Every structure is written in structure tokens, then in C-alpha cells.
């Protein structure tokens, strides 16, 4: 089907993006469908199920994904040893200055910074400020969150808690999707490093997936560079374009 109406057209074929996460995904899907027809794994009239299976065949045939070697896995393990620990615990208190849609962010941040300065100067006021100012229910308990382990809180809060082995009141606010936090780590229980043999397969899977993403991006770029694509500026920056 040809189309000159100004919509997305891939090598003369009009693309209907309905049902796809984005027009770019629809365009890449059409590129891969056409490639499947060219190499003979799909009939031009193939239905949706046949097309999906054929696209998988195309990627299996034409995108080479080398497996991560032991040396690469070991190098990654040695460079990121802190990521392979089990059982790390921190005992945490916080005061949350919540940011909601429409909140005057500068004013909220300023209030949080003023309170932080007071708490750092006089740590004994932490619980009082938590009870009177915190937008978290933990404020009723002096801001006490109890013990937290990795994976139990949002990534940006976890990163602040486990970045180093610091103890006491953090000298800077911690910014998360919920707002600004004054954070105190009162105690740490260090976990144990997991041996390489235990995490080797996990590392290999992660490294292979990373290589897979790069290879898919490169392959789609190659197809796009040889195609006549109109109605969209297709630069597949992420593998989410390959559905």
C-alpha cells in the first residue's frame, strides 16, 4: 500500500502506528517485517503472529550476540564488588519535606535546608522536627524508619544510604521522587561479599543483555540507513524500538 498523505511511510509502505508504543516503534517494526520478507522467512501477506515469529528469526540470524567471557565477568565483578553484597542493613530516621504537583519547590527546598542546618547544629532536635514538620507517617515516631536493606526503598534513597559507610546526619538533603529528606543513619550492619561463583551467571546475563542492546541498535540503524523513511526522523537510540 502506497501513501503520499504525509504519514509514516517505510519504503513506500504506509505505517499505521495504532497499537504500538510510539510511531518510531511502528516504523522499526515495519523495517523488520520487510527484512523478513526479503530473506524469505515471511510471506508478504503474513498475519501478525507470523510477522512476530519472522522478526525473531531475522534478529536471530542477523544480529550476532557474543556471550560474556569469564574474564569479562571477573573484571566486572572486581570493579563493582560493592554491588555484590548480601545482608547490608541500615537503621534510618528521616524528615520528609514532600513535593507534590503544584508545590513551590524552591520554598520547600529552602525550608528543608533551613531545618537541616538546625538539626546538624543540634542533633537532639531531630525527633522534634520530624514530629512537627515531616510529611511522612514516620514523623509520629521521630522519623524512625527502622532497618532498611537493599531493594526495600526507591533507588535514589537507597543510593544515598548505601553509597558509603557514613554514620550520623547526612550533611546534604537527599532528593527523591517524593521530595527532600533530612536523613540520619544511626547504625549499620555490614553484609558479606558474595563470591564470584555465586554471581557469575547473573553478571554474564547482565553483560550479554548490554551487548544485545548495542547490537540491536546498530542493526536497526543499518536497516534505517538503507531505507526510504518518510514522516518520522528515525534514530533508534534505545532497543525499546525493537518490539
C-alpha atoms as a PDB file:
ATOM      1  CA  UNK A   1       0.000   0.000   0.000  1.00  0.00           C
ATOM      2  CA  UNK A   2       1.473   3.332  -1.015  1.00  0.00           C
ATOM      3  CA  UNK A   3       0.737   6.608   0.713  1.00  0.00           C
ATOM      4  CA  UNK A   4       1.612  10.227  -0.052  1.00  0.00           C
ATOM      5  CA  UNK A   5      -0.608  11.762   2.643  1.00  0.00           C
ATOM      6  CA  UNK A   6       2.231  12.815   4.922  1.00  0.00           C
ATOM      7  CA  UNK A   7       2.044   9.931   7.423  1.00  0.00           C
ATOM      8  CA  UNK A   8       4.838   7.497   8.204  1.00  0.00           C
ATOM      9  CA  UNK A   9       5.987   5.636   5.099  1.00  0.00           C
ATOM     10  CA  UNK A  10       8.724   2.987   5.043  1.00  0.00           C
ATOM     11  CA  UNK A  11       9.980   2.067   1.577  1.00  0.00           C
ATOM     12  CA  UNK A  12       6.659   3.110   0.087  1.00  0.00           C
ATOM     13  CA  UNK A  13       4.540   1.263   2.669  1.00  0.00           C
ATOM     14  CA  UNK A  14       2.261   3.365   4.879  1.00  0.00           C
ATOM     15  CA  UNK A  15       2.639   2.547   8.574  1.00  0.00           C
ATOM     16  CA  UNK A  16      -0.272   2.522  10.987  1.00  0.00           C
ATOM     17  CA  UNK A  17       1.181   3.266  14.443  1.00  0.00           C
ATOM     18  CA  UNK A  18      -2.017   2.363  16.309  1.00  0.00           C
ATOM     19  CA  UNK A  19      -1.321  -0.390  18.802  1.00  0.00           C
ATOM     20  CA  UNK A  20       2.395   0.421  19.066  1.00  0.00           C
ATOM     21  CA  UNK A  21       4.040   2.256  21.981  1.00  0.00           C
ATOM     22  CA  UNK A  22       5.212   5.004  19.623  1.00  0.00           C
ATOM     23  CA  UNK A  23       5.382   5.866  15.901  1.00  0.00           C
ATOM     24  CA  UNK A  24       9.103   5.055  15.974  1.00  0.00           C
ATOM     25  CA  UNK A  25       8.417   1.522  17.211  1.00  0.00           C
ATOM     26  CA  UNK A  26       5.858   1.075  14.449  1.00  0.00           C
ATOM     27  CA  UNK A  27       8.386   2.231  11.834  1.00  0.00           C
ATOM     28  CA  UNK A  28      11.074  -0.144  13.115  1.00  0.00           C
ATOM     29  CA  UNK A  29       8.566  -2.990  13.182  1.00  0.00           C
ATOM     30  CA  UNK A  30       7.818  -2.345   9.512  1.00  0.00           C
ATOM     31  CA  UNK A  31      11.537  -2.230   8.679  1.00  0.00           C
ATOM     32  CA  UNK A  32      11.995  -5.634  10.279  1.00  0.00           C
ATOM     33  CA  UNK A  33       8.853  -7.035   8.653  1.00  0.00           C
ATOM     34  CA  UNK A  34      10.168  -6.015   5.252  1.00  0.00           C
ATOM     35  CA  UNK A  35      13.559  -7.535   6.017  1.00  0.00           C
ATOM     36  CA  UNK A  36      11.843 -10.801   6.960  1.00  0.00           C
ATOM     37  CA  UNK A  37      10.128 -10.834   3.568  1.00  0.00           C
ATOM     38  CA  UNK A  38      13.408 -10.113   1.756  1.00  0.00           C
ATOM     39  CA  UNK A  39      15.282 -13.017   3.363  1.00  0.00           C
ATOM     40  CA  UNK A  40      12.358 -15.374   2.806  1.00  0.00           C
ATOM     41  CA  UNK A  41      11.121 -16.115   6.312  1.00  0.00           C
ATOM     42  CA  UNK A  42       7.788 -14.321   5.871  1.00  0.00           C
ATOM     43  CA  UNK A  43       5.191 -14.140   3.128  1.00  0.00           C
ATOM     44  CA  UNK A  44       4.187 -10.571   2.228  1.00  0.00           C
ATOM     45  CA  UNK A  45       0.652 -11.337   3.398  1.00  0.00           C
ATOM     46  CA  UNK A  46       1.730 -12.881   6.722  1.00  0.00           C
ATOM     47  CA  UNK A  47      -0.502 -12.143   9.710  1.00  0.00           C
ATOM     48  CA  UNK A  48       0.602 -10.543  12.992  1.00  0.00           C
ATOM     49  CA  UNK A  49       1.636 -13.799  14.654  1.00  0.00           C
ATOM     50  CA  UNK A  50       3.630 -14.902  11.632  1.00  0.00           C
ATOM     51  CA  UNK A  51       5.272 -11.479  11.475  1.00  0.00           C
ATOM     52  CA  UNK A  52       6.358 -11.614  15.110  1.00  0.00           C
ATOM     53  CA  UNK A  53       7.862 -15.059  14.645  1.00  0.00           C
ATOM     54  CA  UNK A  54       9.603 -13.957  11.458  1.00  0.00           C
ATOM     55  CA  UNK A  55      11.089 -10.871  13.115  1.00  0.00           C
ATOM     56  CA  UNK A  56      12.513 -13.096  15.844  1.00  0.00           C
ATOM     57  CA  UNK A  57      14.097 -15.223  13.117  1.00  0.00           C
ATOM     58  CA  UNK A  58      15.560 -12.150  11.455  1.00  0.00           C
ATOM     59  CA  UNK A  59      17.180 -10.996  14.677  1.00  0.00           C
ATOM     60  CA  UNK A  60      18.447 -14.489  15.487  1.00  0.00           C
ATOM     61  CA  UNK A  61      20.027 -14.796  12.030  1.00  0.00           C
ATOM     62  CA  UNK A  62      21.429 -11.317  11.522  1.00  0.00           C
ATOM     63  CA  UNK A  63      22.294  -9.938  14.958  1.00  0.00           C
ATOM     64  CA  UNK A  64      25.295 -11.694  16.468  1.00  0.00           C
ATOM     65  CA  UNK A  65      25.342 -11.607  20.277  1.00  0.00           C
ATOM     66  CA  UNK A  66      28.555 -12.995  21.793  1.00  0.00           C
ATOM     67  CA  UNK A  67      28.279 -14.404  25.298  1.00  0.00           C
ATOM     68  CA  UNK A  68      30.226 -12.730  28.084  1.00  0.00           C
ATOM     69  CA  UNK A  69      33.509 -14.481  28.827  1.00  0.00           C
ATOM     70  CA  UNK A  70      34.741 -15.488  32.265  1.00  0.00           C
ATOM     71  CA  UNK A  71      37.405 -12.796  32.014  1.00  0.00           C
ATOM     72  CA  UNK A  72      34.804 -10.098  31.295  1.00  0.00           C
ATOM     73  CA  UNK A  73      32.599 -11.314  34.128  1.00  0.00           C
ATOM     74  CA  UNK A  74      35.511 -11.373  36.549  1.00  0.00           C
ATOM     75  CA  UNK A  75      36.562  -7.855  35.533  1.00  0.00           C
ATOM     76  CA  UNK A  76      33.017  -6.569  36.112  1.00  0.00           C
ATOM     77  CA  UNK A  77      32.883  -8.325  39.484  1.00  0.00           C
ATOM     78  CA  UNK A  78      36.192  -6.811  40.607  1.00  0.00           C
ATOM     79  CA  UNK A  79      35.128  -3.311  39.521  1.00  0.00           C
ATOM     80  CA  UNK A  80      31.696  -3.481  41.212  1.00  0.00           C
ATOM     81  CA  UNK A  81      32.289  -5.580  44.311  1.00  0.00           C
ATOM     82  CA  UNK A  82      30.095  -3.362  46.468  1.00  0.00           C
ATOM     83  CA  UNK A  83      27.129  -4.346  44.280  1.00  0.00           C
ATOM     84  CA  UNK A  84      27.537  -7.997  45.229  1.00  0.00           C
ATOM     85  CA  UNK A  85      26.865  -7.927  48.931  1.00  0.00           C
ATOM     86  CA  UNK A  86      24.095  -9.594  50.875  1.00  0.00           C
ATOM     87  CA  UNK A  87      22.575  -8.596  54.159  1.00  0.00           C
ATOM     88  CA  UNK A  88      23.579  -4.910  54.398  1.00  0.00           C
ATOM     89  CA  UNK A  89      21.276  -3.162  56.872  1.00  0.00           C
ATOM     90  CA  UNK A  90      20.963   0.474  57.913  1.00  0.00           C
ATOM     91  CA  UNK A  91      18.907   1.862  60.775  1.00  0.00           C
ATOM     92  CA  UNK A  92      17.443   5.110  59.470  1.00  0.00           C
ATOM     93  CA  UNK A  93      15.499   8.185  60.532  1.00  0.00           C
ATOM     94  CA  UNK A  94      14.316  10.860  58.156  1.00  0.00           C
ATOM     95  CA  UNK A  95      12.332  14.070  57.895  1.00  0.00           C
ATOM     96  CA  UNK A  96      10.412  14.370  54.618  1.00  0.00           C
ATOM     97  CA  UNK A  97       9.551  17.682  53.007  1.00  0.00           C
ATOM     98  CA  UNK A  98       7.115  16.417  50.390  1.00  0.00           C
ATOM     99  CA  UNK A  99       6.883  17.816  46.878  1.00  0.00           C
ATOM    100  CA  UNK A 100       3.509  17.390  45.184  1.00  0.00           C
ATOM    101  CA  UNK A 101       2.187  18.690  41.824  1.00  0.00           C
ATOM    102  CA  UNK A 102       1.953  22.443  42.099  1.00  0.00           C
ATOM    103  CA  UNK A 103       4.216  22.662  45.158  1.00  0.00           C
ATOM    104  CA  UNK A 104       6.535  25.717  45.301  1.00  0.00           C
ATOM    105  CA  UNK A 105       9.680  23.578  45.015  1.00  0.00           C
ATOM    106  CA  UNK A 106      12.122  26.387  45.833  1.00  0.00           C
ATOM    107  CA  UNK A 107      10.221  27.190  49.019  1.00  0.00           C
ATOM    108  CA  UNK A 108      10.045  23.534  50.049  1.00  0.00           C
ATOM    109  CA  UNK A 109      13.774  23.089  49.424  1.00  0.00           C
ATOM    110  CA  UNK A 110      14.607  26.274  51.344  1.00  0.00           C
ATOM    111  CA  UNK A 111      12.570  25.110  54.342  1.00  0.00           C
ATOM    112  CA  UNK A 112      14.282  21.713  54.236  1.00  0.00           C
ATOM    113  CA  UNK A 113      17.747  23.294  54.059  1.00  0.00           C
ATOM    114  CA  UNK A 114      16.979  25.641  56.970  1.00  0.00           C
ATOM    115  CA  UNK A 115      15.811  22.688  59.059  1.00  0.00           C
ATOM    116  CA  UNK A 116      18.844  20.626  58.096  1.00  0.00           C
ATOM    117  CA  UNK A 117      21.167  23.381  59.300  1.00  0.00           C
ATOM    118  CA  UNK A 118      19.374  23.455  62.657  1.00  0.00           C
ATOM    119  CA  UNK A 119      19.455  19.664  63.025  1.00  0.00           C
ATOM    120  CA  UNK A 120      23.156  19.447  62.147  1.00  0.00           C
ATOM    121  CA  UNK A 121      23.895  22.161  64.704  1.00  0.00           C
ATOM    122  CA  UNK A 122      21.779  20.406  67.349  1.00  0.00           C
ATOM    123  CA  UNK A 123      21.166  16.707  66.551  1.00  0.00           C
ATOM    124  CA  UNK A 124      18.949  16.363  69.605  1.00  0.00           C
ATOM    125  CA  UNK A 125      16.211  18.311  67.791  1.00  0.00           C
ATOM    126  CA  UNK A 126      15.835  15.690  65.053  1.00  0.00           C
ATOM    127  CA  UNK A 127      12.864  13.890  66.587  1.00  0.00           C
ATOM    128  CA  UNK A 128      11.070  17.139  67.411  1.00  0.00           C
ATOM    129  CA  UNK A 129      11.389  18.438  63.864  1.00  0.00           C
ATOM    130  CA  UNK A 130      10.315  15.043  62.492  1.00  0.00           C
ATOM    131  CA  UNK A 131       7.125  15.158  64.555  1.00  0.00           C
ATOM    132  CA  UNK A 132       6.255  18.745  63.637  1.00  0.00           C
ATOM    133  CA  UNK A 133       7.460  19.033  60.026  1.00  0.00           C
ATOM    134  CA  UNK A 134       7.758  15.627  58.358  1.00  0.00           C
ATOM    135  CA  UNK A 135       5.198  14.710  55.697  1.00  0.00           C
ATOM    136  CA  UNK A 136       5.784  11.016  56.400  1.00  0.00           C
ATOM    137  CA  UNK A 137       3.786   8.969  58.901  1.00  0.00           C
ATOM    138  CA  UNK A 138       7.117   8.030  60.492  1.00  0.00           C
ATOM    139  CA  UNK A 139       7.177  11.557  61.883  1.00  0.00           C
ATOM    140  CA  UNK A 140       4.907  10.354  64.686  1.00  0.00           C
ATOM    141  CA  UNK A 141       7.821   8.135  65.758  1.00  0.00           C
ATOM    142  CA  UNK A 142      10.537  10.761  65.474  1.00  0.00           C
ATOM    143  CA  UNK A 143      11.163   9.926  61.817  1.00  0.00           C
ATOM    144  CA  UNK A 144      12.202   6.358  62.585  1.00  0.00           C
ATOM    145  CA  UNK A 145      12.047   4.072  59.533  1.00  0.00           C
ATOM    146  CA  UNK A 146      13.591   1.114  61.320  1.00  0.00           C
ATOM    147  CA  UNK A 147      16.024  -1.120  59.474  1.00  0.00           C
ATOM    148  CA  UNK A 148      16.293  -0.953  55.690  1.00  0.00           C
ATOM    149  CA  UNK A 149      18.099  -3.353  53.385  1.00  0.00           C
ATOM    150  CA  UNK A 150      18.956  -3.021  49.718  1.00  0.00           C
ATOM    151  CA  UNK A 151      15.947  -3.186  47.429  1.00  0.00           C
ATOM    152  CA  UNK A 152      13.430  -2.017  50.029  1.00  0.00           C
ATOM    153  CA  UNK A 153      13.231   1.647  49.047  1.00  0.00           C
ATOM    154  CA  UNK A 154      13.352   3.823  45.936  1.00  0.00           C
ATOM    155  CA  UNK A 155      16.714   3.741  44.102  1.00  0.00           C
ATOM    156  CA  UNK A 156      17.685   7.349  44.779  1.00  0.00           C
ATOM    157  CA  UNK A 157      17.104   6.934  48.536  1.00  0.00           C
ATOM    158  CA  UNK A 158      18.902   3.583  48.570  1.00  0.00           C
ATOM    159  CA  UNK A 159      21.879   5.074  46.736  1.00  0.00           C
ATOM    160  CA  UNK A 160      22.249   7.763  49.396  1.00  0.00           C
ATOM    161  CA  UNK A 161      22.013   5.217  52.223  1.00  0.00           C
ATOM    162  CA  UNK A 162      24.462   2.685  50.826  1.00  0.00           C
ATOM    163  CA  UNK A 163      26.870   4.876  48.850  1.00  0.00           C
ATOM    164  CA  UNK A 164      29.455   4.867  51.648  1.00  0.00           C
ATOM    165  CA  UNK A 165      29.710   3.691  55.231  1.00  0.00           C
ATOM    166  CA  UNK A 166      28.790   7.033  56.771  1.00  0.00           C
ATOM    167  CA  UNK A 167      27.046   7.312  60.124  1.00  0.00           C
ATOM    168  CA  UNK A 168      25.057  10.227  61.525  1.00  0.00           C
ATOM    169  CA  UNK A 169      23.105  13.001  59.846  1.00  0.00           C
ATOM    170  CA  UNK A 170      23.765  13.420  56.128  1.00  0.00           C
ATOM    171  CA  UNK A 171      25.218  16.903  55.537  1.00  0.00           C
ATOM    172  CA  UNK A 172      23.112  17.387  52.412  1.00  0.00           C
ATOM    173  CA  UNK A 173      19.458  16.855  51.603  1.00  0.00           C
ATOM    174  CA  UNK A 174      18.535  13.646  49.817  1.00  0.00           C
ATOM    175  CA  UNK A 175      16.288  14.355  46.823  1.00  0.00           C
ATOM    176  CA  UNK A 176      13.851  11.630  45.766  1.00  0.00           C
ATOM    177  CA  UNK A 177      10.640  11.450  43.760  1.00  0.00           C
ATOM    178  CA  UNK A 178       8.786  12.201  46.998  1.00  0.00           C
ATOM    179  CA  UNK A 179      10.622  15.366  47.932  1.00  0.00           C
ATOM    180  CA  UNK A 180      13.563  16.398  50.100  1.00  0.00           C
ATOM    181  CA  UNK A 181      14.753  14.275  53.005  1.00  0.00           C
ATOM    182  CA  UNK A 182      16.901  15.007  56.018  1.00  0.00           C
ATOM    183  CA  UNK A 183      18.445  11.612  56.716  1.00  0.00           C
ATOM    184  CA  UNK A 184      20.200  10.127  59.711  1.00  0.00           C
ATOM    185  CA  UNK A 185      21.848   6.702  59.648  1.00  0.00           C
ATOM    186  CA  UNK A 186      22.113   5.632  63.271  1.00  0.00           C
ATOM    187  CA  UNK A 187      23.679   2.207  62.793  1.00  0.00           C
ATOM    188  CA  UNK A 188      24.917  -0.115  60.092  1.00  0.00           C
ATOM    189  CA  UNK A 189      25.143  -3.889  59.945  1.00  0.00           C
ATOM    190  CA  UNK A 190      27.542  -4.799  57.181  1.00  0.00           C
ATOM    191  CA  UNK A 191      26.664  -7.721  54.963  1.00  0.00           C
ATOM    192  CA  UNK A 192      29.019 -10.172  53.310  1.00  0.00           C
ATOM    193  CA  UNK A 193      30.522 -10.140  49.830  1.00  0.00           C
ATOM    194  CA  UNK A 194      29.055 -12.796  47.589  1.00  0.00           C
ATOM    195  CA  UNK A 195      31.722 -14.982  45.954  1.00  0.00           C
ATOM    196  CA  UNK A 196      32.237 -14.673  42.214  1.00  0.00           C
ATOM    197  CA  UNK A 197      30.991 -18.211  41.602  1.00  0.00           C
ATOM    198  CA  UNK A 198      27.600 -17.327  43.084  1.00  0.00           C
ATOM    199  CA  UNK A 199      27.028 -14.228  40.944  1.00  0.00           C
ATOM    200  CA  UNK A 200      28.878 -15.231  37.764  1.00  0.00           C
ATOM    201  CA  UNK A 201      25.716 -16.247  35.880  1.00  0.00           C
ATOM    202  CA  UNK A 202      23.891 -13.074  36.924  1.00  0.00           C
ATOM    203  CA  UNK A 203      26.818 -10.939  35.714  1.00  0.00           C
ATOM    204  CA  UNK A 204      27.017 -12.841  32.434  1.00  0.00           C
ATOM    205  CA  UNK A 205      23.307 -12.298  31.783  1.00  0.00           C
ATOM    206  CA  UNK A 206      23.599  -8.571  32.511  1.00  0.00           C
ATOM    207  CA  UNK A 207      26.666  -8.116  30.285  1.00  0.00           C
ATOM    208  CA  UNK A 208      25.120 -10.139  27.459  1.00  0.00           C
ATOM    209  CA  UNK A 209      21.943  -8.050  27.654  1.00  0.00           C
ATOM    210  CA  UNK A 210      24.030  -4.877  27.425  1.00  0.00           C
ATOM    211  CA  UNK A 211      25.814  -6.173  24.322  1.00  0.00           C
ATOM    212  CA  UNK A 212      22.467  -7.284  22.914  1.00  0.00           C
ATOM    213  CA  UNK A 213      21.044  -3.772  23.282  1.00  0.00           C
ATOM    214  CA  UNK A 214      24.015  -2.236  21.484  1.00  0.00           C
ATOM    215  CA  UNK A 215      23.890  -4.793  18.682  1.00  0.00           C
ATOM    216  CA  UNK A 216      20.147  -4.284  18.142  1.00  0.00           C
ATOM    217  CA  UNK A 217      20.578  -0.510  17.972  1.00  0.00           C
ATOM    218  CA  UNK A 218      23.344  -0.865  15.413  1.00  0.00           C
ATOM    219  CA  UNK A 219      21.340  -3.315  13.323  1.00  0.00           C
ATOM    220  CA  UNK A 220      18.256  -1.115  13.248  1.00  0.00           C
ATOM    221  CA  UNK A 221      20.397   1.898  12.339  1.00  0.00           C
ATOM    222  CA  UNK A 222      21.875  -0.085   9.452  1.00  0.00           C
ATOM    223  CA  UNK A 223      18.443  -1.026   8.122  1.00  0.00           C
ATOM    224  CA  UNK A 224      17.223   2.548   8.522  1.00  0.00           C
ATOM    225  CA  UNK A 225      20.231   3.968   6.680  1.00  0.00           C
ATOM    226  CA  UNK A 226      19.338   1.874   3.611  1.00  0.00           C
ATOM    227  CA  UNK A 227      15.616   2.561   3.730  1.00  0.00           C
ATOM    228  CA  UNK A 228      13.414   5.360   2.410  1.00  0.00           C
ATOM    229  CA  UNK A 229      11.648   6.507   5.575  1.00  0.00           C
ATOM    230  CA  UNK A 230       9.299   9.450   5.494  1.00  0.00           C
ATOM    231  CA  UNK A 231       7.169  11.137   8.121  1.00  0.00           C
ATOM    232  CA  UNK A 232       9.482  10.410  11.056  1.00  0.00           C
ATOM    233  CA  UNK A 233      13.101  11.079  11.952  1.00  0.00           C
ATOM    234  CA  UNK A 234      14.088   7.588  12.972  1.00  0.00           C
ATOM    235  CA  UNK A 235      17.157   7.360  15.170  1.00  0.00           C
ATOM    236  CA  UNK A 236      16.743   4.247  17.319  1.00  0.00           C
ATOM    237  CA  UNK A 237      18.554   5.385  20.435  1.00  0.00           C
ATOM    238  CA  UNK A 238      17.160   2.561  22.548  1.00  0.00           C
ATOM    239  CA  UNK A 239      16.325  -1.072  21.957  1.00  0.00           C
ATOM    240  CA  UNK A 240      12.786  -0.376  23.102  1.00  0.00           C
ATOM    241  CA  UNK A 241      12.254   0.444  19.426  1.00  0.00           C
ATOM    242  CA  UNK A 242      12.572  -3.263  18.694  1.00  0.00           C
ATOM    243  CA  UNK A 243       9.333  -4.835  19.860  1.00  0.00           C
END
